[in-house]
C-alpha atoms as a PDB file:
ATOM      1  CA  MET A   1     118.478  86.855 153.470  1.00  0.00           C
ATOM      2  CA  ASN A   2     117.912  83.091 153.757  1.00  0.00           C
ATOM      3  CA  LEU A   3     118.782  80.643 150.983  1.00  0.00           C
ATOM      4  CA  ASN A   4     115.224  80.287 149.679  1.00  0.00           C
ATOM      5  CA  ALA A   5     114.734  84.035 149.535  1.00  0.00           C
ATOM      6  CA  GLY A   6     118.061  84.427 147.758  1.00  0.00           C
ATOM      7  CA  LEU A   7     117.099  81.814 145.169  1.00  0.00           C
ATOM      8  CA  ALA A   8     113.764  83.519 144.642  1.00  0.00           C
ATOM      9  CA  VAL A   9     115.435  86.872 144.013  1.00  0.00           C
ATOM     10  CA  ALA A  10     117.954  85.274 141.651  1.00  0.00           C
ATOM     11  CA  ALA A  11     115.206  83.477 139.753  1.00  0.00           C
ATOM     12  CA  LEU A  12     113.228  86.687 139.450  1.00  0.00           C
ATOM     13  CA  ALA A  13     116.302  88.490 138.131  1.00  0.00           C
ATOM     14  CA  LEU A  14     116.946  85.764 135.561  1.00  0.00           C
ATOM     15  CA  PHE A  15     113.310  85.876 134.482  1.00  0.00           C
ATOM     16  CA  ALA A  16     113.482  89.631 134.040  1.00  0.00           C
ATOM     17  CA  CYS A  17     116.641  89.331 131.953  1.00  0.00           C
ATOM     18  CA  ALA A  18     115.050  86.661 129.774  1.00  0.00           C
ATOM     19  CA  MET A  19     111.906  88.650 129.105  1.00  0.00           C
ATOM     20  CA  PRO A  20     111.818  90.264 125.633  1.00  0.00           C
ATOM     21  CA  ALA A  21     112.195  94.002 125.736  1.00  0.00           C
ATOM     22  CA  HIS A  22     109.343  94.450 123.287  1.00  0.00           C
ATOM     23  CA  ALA A  23     107.751  97.157 125.415  1.00  0.00           C
ATOM     24  CA  ALA A  24     110.742  99.481 125.111  1.00  0.00           C
ATOM     25  CA  PRO A  25     110.297 102.293 122.555  1.00  0.00           C
ATOM     26  CA  VAL A  26     112.533 102.136 119.469  1.00  0.00           C
ATOM     27  CA  SER A  27     113.393 104.718 116.841  1.00  0.00           C
ATOM     28  CA  ALA A  28     115.596 105.038 113.763  1.00  0.00           C
ATOM     29  CA  LEU A  29     116.180 107.427 110.905  1.00  0.00           C
ATOM     30  CA  ASP A  30     114.832 106.397 107.510  1.00  0.00           C
ATOM     31  CA  ASP A  31     116.582 107.171 104.212  1.00  0.00           C
ATOM     32  CA  ASP A  32     114.857 110.550 103.973  1.00  0.00           C
ATOM     33  CA  GLY A  33     116.320 111.525 107.348  1.00  0.00           C
ATOM     34  CA  ARG A  34     112.949 111.247 109.110  1.00  0.00           C
ATOM     35  CA  THR A  35     112.806 109.763 112.602  1.00  0.00           C
ATOM     36  CA  VAL A  36     110.515 106.731 112.744  1.00  0.00           C
ATOM     37  CA  SER A  37     109.444 106.032 116.329  1.00  0.00           C
ATOM     38  CA  LEU A  38     107.572 102.971 117.587  1.00  0.00           C
ATOM     39  CA  ALA A  39     106.195 102.114 121.021  1.00  0.00           C
ATOM     40  CA  GLY A  40     108.094  98.826 120.787  1.00  0.00           C
ATOM     41  CA  PRO A  41     109.780  96.664 118.145  1.00  0.00           C
ATOM     42  CA  ALA A  42     107.544  96.119 115.118  1.00  0.00           C
ATOM     43  CA  MET A  43     105.742  92.775 115.084  1.00  0.00           C
ATOM     44  CA  ARG A  44     103.616  93.185 111.927  1.00  0.00           C
ATOM     45  CA  ILE A  45     105.507  94.751 109.024  1.00  0.00           C
ATOM     46  CA  VAL A  46     104.131  95.470 105.555  1.00  0.00           C
ATOM     47  CA  SER A  47     106.857  95.634 102.898  1.00  0.00           C
ATOM     48  CA  LEU A  48     105.937  97.569  99.764  1.00  0.00           C
ATOM     49  CA  ALA A  49     108.929  96.990  97.476  1.00  0.00           C
ATOM     50  CA  PRO A  50     110.917  93.901  96.466  1.00  0.00           C
ATOM     51  CA  HIS A  51     114.139  95.351  97.859  1.00  0.00           C
ATOM     52  CA  THR A  52     112.550  96.285 101.203  1.00  0.00           C
ATOM     53  CA  THR A  53     111.335  92.708 101.618  1.00  0.00           C
ATOM     54  CA  GLU A  54     114.858  91.486 100.984  1.00  0.00           C
ATOM     55  CA  LEU A  55     116.345  94.004 103.431  1.00  0.00           C
ATOM     56  CA  LEU A  56     113.888  92.992 106.157  1.00  0.00           C
ATOM     57  CA  PHE A  57     114.776  89.326 105.759  1.00  0.00           C
ATOM     58  CA  ALA A  58     118.477  90.242 105.804  1.00  0.00           C
ATOM     59  CA  ALA A  59     117.841  92.117 109.059  1.00  0.00           C
ATOM     60  CA  GLY A  60     116.398  88.968 110.640  1.00  0.00           C
ATOM     61  CA  ALA A  61     112.837  90.292 110.516  1.00  0.00           C
ATOM     62  CA  GLY A  62     111.413  87.974 107.869  1.00  0.00           C
ATOM     63  CA  ASP A  63     109.053  86.308 110.338  1.00  0.00           C
ATOM     64  CA  LYS A  64     107.559  89.709 111.158  1.00  0.00           C
ATOM     65  CA  VAL A  65     106.664  90.583 107.561  1.00  0.00           C
ATOM     66  CA  VAL A  66     102.926  90.064 107.057  1.00  0.00           C
ATOM     67  CA  ALA A  67     102.567  91.382 103.502  1.00  0.00           C
ATOM     68  CA  ASN A  68     104.661  91.749 100.393  1.00  0.00           C
ATOM     69  CA  VAL A  69     104.369  93.100  96.840  1.00  0.00           C
ATOM     70  CA  ARG A  70     104.490  91.573  93.395  1.00  0.00           C
ATOM     71  CA  TYR A  71     108.052  90.583  92.391  1.00  0.00           C
ATOM     72  CA  GLY A  72     109.080  90.433  96.059  1.00  0.00           C
ATOM     73  CA  ASP A  73     110.530  86.997  95.369  1.00  0.00           C
ATOM     74  CA  TYR A  74     113.710  86.866  97.444  1.00  0.00           C
ATOM     75  CA  PRO A  75     114.449  85.029  99.619  1.00  0.00           C
ATOM     76  CA  ALA A  76     112.239  82.087  98.693  1.00  0.00           C
ATOM     77  CA  ALA A  77     110.231  82.415 101.921  1.00  0.00           C
ATOM     78  CA  ALA A  78     109.014  85.821 100.747  1.00  0.00           C
ATOM     79  CA  ARG A  79     107.018  84.199  97.944  1.00  0.00           C
ATOM     80  CA  ALA A  80     104.590  82.719 100.466  1.00  0.00           C
ATOM     81  CA  LEU A  81     103.575  86.124 101.842  1.00  0.00           C
ATOM     82  CA  PRO A  82     100.262  87.799 100.943  1.00  0.00           C
ATOM     83  CA  VAL A  83     100.639  90.284  98.072  1.00  0.00           C
ATOM     84  CA  VAL A  84      99.038  93.701  98.577  1.00  0.00           C
ATOM     85  CA  GLY A  85      99.979  95.417  95.317  1.00  0.00           C
ATOM     86  CA  ASP A  86     102.848  96.556  93.135  1.00  0.00           C
ATOM     87  CA  SER A  87     104.353  99.769  91.782  1.00  0.00           C
ATOM     88  CA  HIS A  88     101.136 100.474  89.878  1.00  0.00           C
ATOM     89  CA  GLY A  89      98.749 100.238  92.803  1.00  0.00           C
ATOM     90  CA  LEU A  90      98.278  99.182  96.413  1.00  0.00           C
ATOM     91  CA  ASP A  91      95.329  97.538  98.151  1.00  0.00           C
ATOM     92  CA  LEU A  92      95.037 100.040 100.996  1.00  0.00           C
ATOM     93  CA  GLU A  93      92.009  98.349 102.565  1.00  0.00           C
ATOM     94  CA  ARG A  94      93.866  95.065 102.800  1.00  0.00           C
ATOM     95  CA  ILE A  95      96.955  96.792 104.186  1.00  0.00           C
ATOM     96  CA  ALA A  96      94.868  98.481 106.881  1.00  0.00           C
ATOM     97  CA  ALA A  97      93.103  95.191 107.700  1.00  0.00           C
ATOM     98  CA  LEU A  98      96.468  93.558 108.411  1.00  0.00           C
ATOM     99  CA  LYS A  99      96.960  96.073 111.257  1.00  0.00           C
ATOM    100  CA  PRO A 100     100.665  96.652 110.631  1.00  0.00           C
ATOM    101  CA  ASP A 101     102.764  98.516 113.153  1.00  0.00           C
ATOM    102  CA  LEU A 102     105.325  99.454 110.472  1.00  0.00           C
ATOM    103  CA  ILE A 103     105.157 100.000 106.713  1.00  0.00           C
ATOM    104  CA  VAL A 104     108.388 100.032 104.701  1.00  0.00           C
ATOM    105  CA  VAL A 105     108.171 101.770 101.322  1.00  0.00           C
ATOM    106  CA  TRP A 106     110.400 102.674  98.374  1.00  0.00           C
ATOM    107  CA  MET A 107     109.752 106.305  97.522  1.00  0.00           C
ATOM    108  CA  HIS A 108     110.710 105.991  93.840  1.00  0.00           C
ATOM    109  CA  GLY A 109     108.735 102.765  93.517  1.00  0.00           C
ATOM    110  CA  SER A 110     105.404 104.287  94.531  1.00  0.00           C
ATOM    111  CA  SER A 111     103.476 107.255  93.209  1.00  0.00           C
ATOM    112  CA  ALA A 112     103.106 110.357  95.351  1.00  0.00           C
ATOM    113  CA  GLY A 113      99.367 109.669  95.480  1.00  0.00           C
ATOM    114  CA  GLN A 114      99.909 106.175  96.865  1.00  0.00           C
ATOM    115  CA  ILE A 115     102.274 107.482  99.524  1.00  0.00           C
ATOM    116  CA  ASP A 116      99.780 110.184 100.519  1.00  0.00           C
ATOM    117  CA  ARG A 117      97.023 107.588 100.893  1.00  0.00           C
ATOM    118  CA  LEU A 118      99.326 105.428 102.996  1.00  0.00           C
ATOM    119  CA  LYS A 119     100.077 108.395 105.244  1.00  0.00           C
ATOM    120  CA  ALA A 120      96.339 108.849 105.717  1.00  0.00           C
ATOM    121  CA  LEU A 121      96.301 105.481 107.512  1.00  0.00           C
ATOM    122  CA  LYS A 122      98.293 107.181 110.310  1.00  0.00           C
ATOM    123  CA  LEU A 123     100.712 104.270 110.542  1.00  0.00           C
ATOM    124  CA  PRO A 124     104.512 104.509 110.925  1.00  0.00           C
ATOM    125  CA  ILE A 125     106.222 104.576 107.525  1.00  0.00           C
ATOM    126  CA  PHE A 126     109.923 103.948 106.896  1.00  0.00           C
ATOM    127  CA  HIS A 127     111.176 105.360 103.579  1.00  0.00           C
ATOM    128  CA  SER A 128     113.841 103.061 102.140  1.00  0.00           C
ATOM    129  CA  GLU A 129     116.157 104.202  99.379  1.00  0.00           C
ATOM    130  CA  PRO A 130     119.882 103.589  99.927  1.00  0.00           C
ATOM    131  CA  ARG A 131     121.785 105.768  97.452  1.00  0.00           C
ATOM    132  CA  SER A 132     125.273 104.483  98.134  1.00  0.00           C
ATOM    133  CA  LEU A 133     126.704 101.042  98.733  1.00  0.00           C
ATOM    134  CA  PRO A 134     127.564 101.660 102.415  1.00  0.00           C
ATOM    135  CA  GLN A 135     123.993 102.847 103.045  1.00  0.00           C
ATOM    136  CA  ILE A 136     122.662  99.360 102.307  1.00  0.00           C
ATOM    137  CA  GLY A 137     124.371  98.029 105.415  1.00  0.00           C
ATOM    138  CA  ASP A 138     123.189 101.054 107.383  1.00  0.00           C
ATOM    139  CA  SER A 139     119.603 100.385 106.259  1.00  0.00           C
ATOM    140  CA  ILE A 140     119.801  96.792 107.465  1.00  0.00           C
ATOM    141  CA  ARG A 141     120.983  97.980 110.887  1.00  0.00           C
ATOM    142  CA  ARG A 142     118.220 100.586 111.202  1.00  0.00           C
ATOM    143  CA  LEU A 143     115.507  98.135 110.166  1.00  0.00           C
ATOM    144  CA  GLY A 144     116.931  95.747 112.754  1.00  0.00           C
ATOM    145  CA  VAL A 145     116.476  98.421 115.417  1.00  0.00           C
ATOM    146  CA  LEU A 146     112.827  98.942 114.469  1.00  0.00           C
ATOM    147  CA  ALA A 147     112.147  95.202 114.295  1.00  0.00           C
ATOM    148  CA  GLY A 148     114.014  94.356 117.487  1.00  0.00           C
ATOM    149  CA  THR A 149     116.399  92.065 115.602  1.00  0.00           C
ATOM    150  CA  GLN A 150     119.630  94.009 116.079  1.00  0.00           C
ATOM    151  CA  PRO A 151     122.009  91.051 116.597  1.00  0.00           C
ATOM    152  CA  ALA A 152     120.964  89.430 113.298  1.00  0.00           C
ATOM    153  CA  ALA A 153     120.868  92.767 111.495  1.00  0.00           C
ATOM    154  CA  ASP A 154     124.308  93.774 112.745  1.00  0.00           C
ATOM    155  CA  ALA A 155     125.772  90.416 111.725  1.00  0.00           C
ATOM    156  CA  ALA A 156     124.331  90.750 108.213  1.00  0.00           C
ATOM    157  CA  ALA A 157     125.494  94.349 107.904  1.00  0.00           C
ATOM    158  CA  ASP A 158     128.985  93.445 109.116  1.00  0.00           C
ATOM    159  CA  ALA A 159     129.263  90.626 106.566  1.00  0.00           C
ATOM    160  CA  TYR A 160     128.087  92.969 103.820  1.00  0.00           C
ATOM    161  CA  ALA A 161     130.611  95.628 104.884  1.00  0.00           C
ATOM    162  CA  ARG A 162     133.454  93.091 104.735  1.00  0.00           C
ATOM    163  CA  ASP A 163     132.481  91.983 101.227  1.00  0.00           C
ATOM    164  CA  LEU A 164     132.178  95.595 100.074  1.00  0.00           C
ATOM    165  CA  ALA A 165     135.574  96.490 101.544  1.00  0.00           C
ATOM    166  CA  ALA A 166     137.174  93.547  99.732  1.00  0.00           C
ATOM    167  CA  LEU A 167     135.813  94.747  96.376  1.00  0.00           C
ATOM    168  CA  GLU A 168     136.906  98.320  97.068  1.00  0.00           C
ATOM    169  CA  GLN A 169     140.393  97.141  97.971  1.00  0.00           C
ATOM    170  CA  ARG A 170     140.651  95.072  94.806  1.00  0.00           C
ATOM    171  CA  TYR A 171     139.465  97.689  92.300  1.00  0.00           C
ATOM    172  CA  ARG A 172     140.226 101.108  93.812  1.00  0.00           C
ATOM    173  CA  GLN A 173     143.478 101.600  91.869  1.00  0.00           C
ATOM    174  CA  ARG A 174     142.287 100.342  88.485  1.00  0.00           C
ATOM    175  CA  PRO A 175     142.615 102.658  85.450  1.00  0.00           C
ATOM    176  CA  PRO A 176     139.359 104.591  84.959  1.00  0.00           C
ATOM    177  CA  LEU A 177     136.917 103.714  82.180  1.00  0.00           C
ATOM    178  CA  ARG A 178     134.209 105.949  80.752  1.00  0.00           C
ATOM    179  CA  VAL A 179     130.908 104.117  81.202  1.00  0.00           C
ATOM    180  CA  PHE A 180     127.375 104.531  79.887  1.00  0.00           C
ATOM    181  CA  TYR A 181     124.900 102.643  82.055  1.00  0.00           C
ATOM    182  CA  GLN A 182     121.610 101.970  80.275  1.00  0.00           C
ATOM    183  CA  ILE A 183     118.676 101.227  82.557  1.00  0.00           C
ATOM    184  CA  TRP A 184     116.071 101.258  79.777  1.00  0.00           C
ATOM    185  CA  HIS A 185     116.056 101.424  75.979  1.00  0.00           C
ATOM    186  CA  LYS A 186     112.590 102.735  74.972  1.00  0.00           C
ATOM    187  CA  PRO A 187     113.104 105.575  75.741  1.00  0.00           C
ATOM    188  CA  LEU A 188     116.841 105.464  76.327  1.00  0.00           C
ATOM    189  CA  MET A 189     117.445 106.113  80.039  1.00  0.00           C
ATOM    190  CA  THR A 190     120.443 106.253  82.350  1.00  0.00           C
ATOM    191  CA  VAL A 191     121.362 107.416  85.876  1.00  0.00           C
ATOM    192  CA  ASN A 192     123.322 110.274  87.401  1.00  0.00           C
ATOM    193  CA  ASP A 193     125.894 110.046  90.189  1.00  0.00           C
ATOM    194  CA  LYS A 194     123.237 110.273  92.920  1.00  0.00           C
ATOM    195  CA  HIS A 195     121.921 106.853  91.906  1.00  0.00           C
ATOM    196  CA  LEU A 196     123.106 103.684  93.619  1.00  0.00           C
ATOM    197  CA  ILE A 197     124.049 102.080  90.296  1.00  0.00           C
ATOM    198  CA  SER A 198     126.497 104.895  89.642  1.00  0.00           C
ATOM    199  CA  ASP A 199     128.166 104.025  92.945  1.00  0.00           C
ATOM    200  CA  VAL A 200     128.688 100.495  91.607  1.00  0.00           C
ATOM    201  CA  VAL A 201     130.248 101.965  88.455  1.00  0.00           C
ATOM    202  CA  ARG A 202     132.582 104.016  90.674  1.00  0.00           C
ATOM    203  CA  LEU A 203     133.464 100.968  92.788  1.00  0.00           C
ATOM    204  CA  CYS A 204     134.684  99.181  89.658  1.00  0.00           C
ATOM    205  CA  GLY A 205     136.830 102.108  88.544  1.00  0.00           C
ATOM    206  CA  GLY A 206     134.312 103.493  86.084  1.00  0.00           C
ATOM    207  CA  VAL A 207     133.284 107.079  85.426  1.00  0.00           C
ATOM    208  CA  ASN A 208     129.595 107.587  84.662  1.00  0.00           C
ATOM    209  CA  VAL A 209     129.482 109.729  81.506  1.00  0.00           C
ATOM    210  CA  PHE A 210     126.137 111.189  82.639  1.00  0.00           C
ATOM    211  CA  GLY A 211     127.115 111.421  86.304  1.00  0.00           C
ATOM    212  CA  SER A 212     126.763 115.215  86.428  1.00  0.00           C
ATOM    213  CA  HIS A 213     123.331 115.248  84.784  1.00  0.00           C
ATOM    214  CA  PRO A 214     120.864 117.178  86.995  1.00  0.00           C
ATOM    215  CA  THR A 215     118.163 114.504  86.650  1.00  0.00           C
ATOM    216  CA  TYR A 216     118.285 111.385  88.817  1.00  0.00           C
ATOM    217  CA  VAL A 217     117.158 109.097  85.971  1.00  0.00           C
ATOM    218  CA  PRO A 218     117.497 111.126  82.757  1.00  0.00           C
ATOM    219  CA  THR A 219     116.201 110.288  79.313  1.00  0.00           C
ATOM    220  CA  VAL A 220     118.973 110.741  76.757  1.00  0.00           C
ATOM    221  CA  SER A 221     119.376 110.400  72.997  1.00  0.00           C
ATOM    222  CA  ALA A 222     121.623 107.920  71.225  1.00  0.00           C
ATOM    223  CA  GLU A 223     123.464 110.906  69.769  1.00  0.00           C
ATOM    224  CA  ALA A 224     124.158 112.270  73.262  1.00  0.00           C
ATOM    225  CA  VAL A 225     125.474 108.888  74.372  1.00  0.00           C
ATOM    226  CA  ILE A 226     127.800 108.641  71.387  1.00  0.00           C
ATOM    227  CA  ALA A 227     128.988 112.223  71.934  1.00  0.00           C
ATOM    228  CA  ALA A 228     129.880 111.340  75.545  1.00  0.00           C
ATOM    229  CA  GLN A 229     132.388 108.802  74.161  1.00  0.00           C
ATOM    230  CA  PRO A 230     131.937 105.939  76.616  1.00  0.00           C
ATOM    231  CA  GLN A 231     134.382 103.054  76.471  1.00  0.00           C
ATOM    232  CA  VAL A 232     131.914 100.626  78.030  1.00  0.00           C
ATOM    233  CA  LEU A 233     128.167 100.067  77.729  1.00  0.00           C
ATOM    234  CA  ALA A 234     126.738  98.396  80.836  1.00  0.00           C
ATOM    235  CA  THR A 235     123.145  97.280  81.301  1.00  0.00           C
ATOM    236  CA  SER A 236     120.975  94.755  83.119  1.00  0.00           C
ATOM    237  CA  THR A 237     119.248  91.648  81.829  1.00  0.00           C
ATOM    238  CA  LEU A 238     116.079  89.970  83.060  1.00  0.00           C
ATOM    239  CA  ASP A 239     116.561  86.353  84.139  1.00  0.00           C
ATOM    240  CA  GLY A 240     119.829  86.241  82.207  1.00  0.00           C
ATOM    241  CA  GLN A 241     118.056  86.906  78.914  1.00  0.00           C
ATOM    242  CA  VAL A 242     119.207  89.679  76.591  1.00  0.00           C
ATOM    243  CA  ASP A 243     116.582  91.092  74.241  1.00  0.00           C
ATOM    244  CA  ASP A 244     116.617  94.103  71.941  1.00  0.00           C
ATOM    245  CA  SER A 245     117.524  96.368  74.862  1.00  0.00           C
ATOM    246  CA  VAL A 246     121.134  96.368  73.666  1.00  0.00           C
ATOM    247  CA  GLY A 247     120.616  95.022  70.167  1.00  0.00           C
ATOM    248  CA  HIS A 248     119.660  98.447  68.796  1.00  0.00           C
ATOM    249  CA  TRP A 249     123.254  99.602  69.357  1.00  0.00           C
ATOM    250  CA  ARG A 250     124.468  97.249  66.616  1.00  0.00           C
ATOM    251  CA  ALA A 251     123.454  99.879  64.069  1.00  0.00           C
ATOM    252  CA  PHE A 252     126.206 102.143  65.441  1.00  0.00           C
ATOM    253  CA  LYS A 253     129.194 100.130  64.269  1.00  0.00           C
ATOM    254  CA  HIS A 254     131.722 102.851  65.121  1.00  0.00           C
ATOM    255  CA  PHE A 255     130.363 103.285  68.655  1.00  0.00           C
ATOM    256  CA  GLU A 256     133.344 102.153  70.759  1.00  0.00           C
ATOM    257  CA  PRO A 257     131.523  99.671  73.037  1.00  0.00           C
ATOM    258  CA  ILE A 258     130.139  97.968  69.914  1.00  0.00           C
ATOM    259  CA  ALA A 259     133.312  98.194  67.845  1.00  0.00           C
ATOM    260  CA  LYS A 260     135.400  96.746  70.696  1.00  0.00           C
ATOM    261  CA  GLN A 261     132.714  94.417  72.098  1.00  0.00           C
ATOM    262  CA  ALA A 262     132.768  96.213  75.436  1.00  0.00           C
ATOM    263  CA  VAL A 263     129.178  95.536  76.522  1.00  0.00           C
ATOM    264  CA  VAL A 264     128.805  94.324  80.110  1.00  0.00           C
ATOM    265  CA  THR A 265     125.470  92.750  81.070  1.00  0.00           C
ATOM    266  CA  ILE A 266     124.370  92.082  84.653  1.00  0.00           C
ATOM    267  CA  PRO A 267     121.331  90.155  85.979  1.00  0.00           C
ATOM    268  CA  SER A 268     118.687  92.722  86.865  1.00  0.00           C
ATOM    269  CA  ASP A 269     118.109  91.532  90.436  1.00  0.00           C
ATOM    270  CA  HIS A 270     121.843  91.857  91.120  1.00  0.00           C
ATOM    271  CA  ILE A 271     122.093  95.514  90.124  1.00  0.00           C
ATOM    272  CA  SER A 272     118.636  97.097  90.358  1.00  0.00           C
ATOM    273  CA  ARG A 273     117.743  96.142  93.929  1.00  0.00           C
ATOM    274  CA  HIS A 274     119.103  98.083  96.898  1.00  0.00           C
ATOM    275  CA  THR A 275     120.151  94.954  98.801  1.00  0.00           C
ATOM    276  CA  PRO A 276     123.313  92.998  99.694  1.00  0.00           C
ATOM    277  CA  ARG A 277     122.942  91.035  96.453  1.00  0.00           C
ATOM    278  CA  ILE A 278     124.027  94.155  94.587  1.00  0.00           C
ATOM    279  CA  LEU A 279     127.583  93.059  95.372  1.00  0.00           C
ATOM    280  CA  LEU A 280     127.002  90.095  93.037  1.00  0.00           C
ATOM    281  CA  GLY A 281     126.200  92.604  90.320  1.00  0.00           C
ATOM    282  CA  ALA A 282     129.199  94.707  91.306  1.00  0.00           C
ATOM    283  CA  LYS A 283     131.481  91.691  91.016  1.00  0.00           C
ATOM    284  CA  ARG A 284     130.129  90.950  87.537  1.00  0.00           C
ATOM    285  CA  MET A 285     130.523  94.587  86.468  1.00  0.00           C
ATOM    286  CA  CYS A 286     134.068  94.822  87.824  1.00  0.00           C
ATOM    287  CA  GLU A 287     135.074  91.595  86.091  1.00  0.00           C
ATOM    288  CA  GLY A 288     133.621  92.907  82.830  1.00  0.00           C
ATOM    289  CA  PHE A 289     135.552  96.152  83.175  1.00  0.00           C
ATOM    290  CA  GLU A 290     138.740  94.152  83.732  1.00  0.00           C
ATOM    291  CA  GLN A 291     138.131  92.323  80.454  1.00  0.00           C
ATOM    292  CA  VAL A 292     137.794  95.668  78.690  1.00  0.00           C
ATOM    293  CA  ARG A 293     141.003  96.964  80.281  1.00  0.00           C
ATOM    294  CA  ALA A 294     142.806  93.840  79.108  1.00  0.00           C
ATOM    295  CA  GLY A 295     141.541  94.358  75.564  1.00  0.00           C
ATOM    296  CA  GLN A 296     139.422  91.218  75.722  1.00  0.00           C
ATOM    297  CA  PRO A 297     135.996  91.295  74.042  1.00  0.00           C
ATOM    298  CA  VAL A 298     132.947  91.120  76.274  1.00  0.00           C
ATOM    299  CA  LYS A 299     130.739  89.480  73.722  1.00  0.00           C
ATOM    300  CA  LEU A 300     127.461  91.130  72.801  1.00  0.00           C
ATOM    301  CA  PRO A 301     124.868  88.330  72.722  1.00  0.00           C
ATOM    302  CA  ALA A 302     123.650  87.239  69.321  1.00  0.00           C
ATOM    303  CA  PRO A 303     120.348  88.763  68.109  1.00  0.00           C
END
């Protein structure tokens, strides 16, 4: 082979290596254990939950997201995306017109009817619902596979795993606390141990007093909560504001979390979304639990 021919072959090889492998099929399991297969990495992704938008951006696929939902406000770039609905309804015609090659949904954030209508579009659907803290990192990796952004996704998942491991190391030996986590007050609602929030409680050395309840998000009575004898009441706040969602407990002056000012509040976006930012909520919860263990009041905000 002469020099020119050798250079030509080398150049061709370099060109082939530099070409994106977008034509290669990709597949990954979703959080329902279903295999989602695509002819190539997704280029037009519709995200139908705030947390799925955040996960896609974390996976390095933000520039491939072509539609978002109401309240899908993080990161800031997500706010510029077209909105195609919310948990109450989806604009299926607009979704179809966007010609997505992947739709990412939150099963508990959409009605069964909406999901069925989405399936009728015959488009690939990834069901996202991490139910443990490690699964958040796994979800980022799998979305990275489907979007063809594995290096960025793996880096984000690795960073998340390191932060999670640090929290686990710090709090794994702490004395247990009995915890009631209130996700809503009218009606009074909580979570069982299959819920991601309960995994945060566990991380901080807490024991969910309704962890064994058969219902994923049960409605409970104030009397049942008091009978469960929690030492801590934990709940979320919207935009740092506390309204009457915890104020109604003031009437129960002998309820231990009220009597001992053991009420831990966490910004909603840092505990209710299945994303890496949940570790911010976990840090706040763990710090609150430490105050309770030390006998320090965690002040209930004034009415």
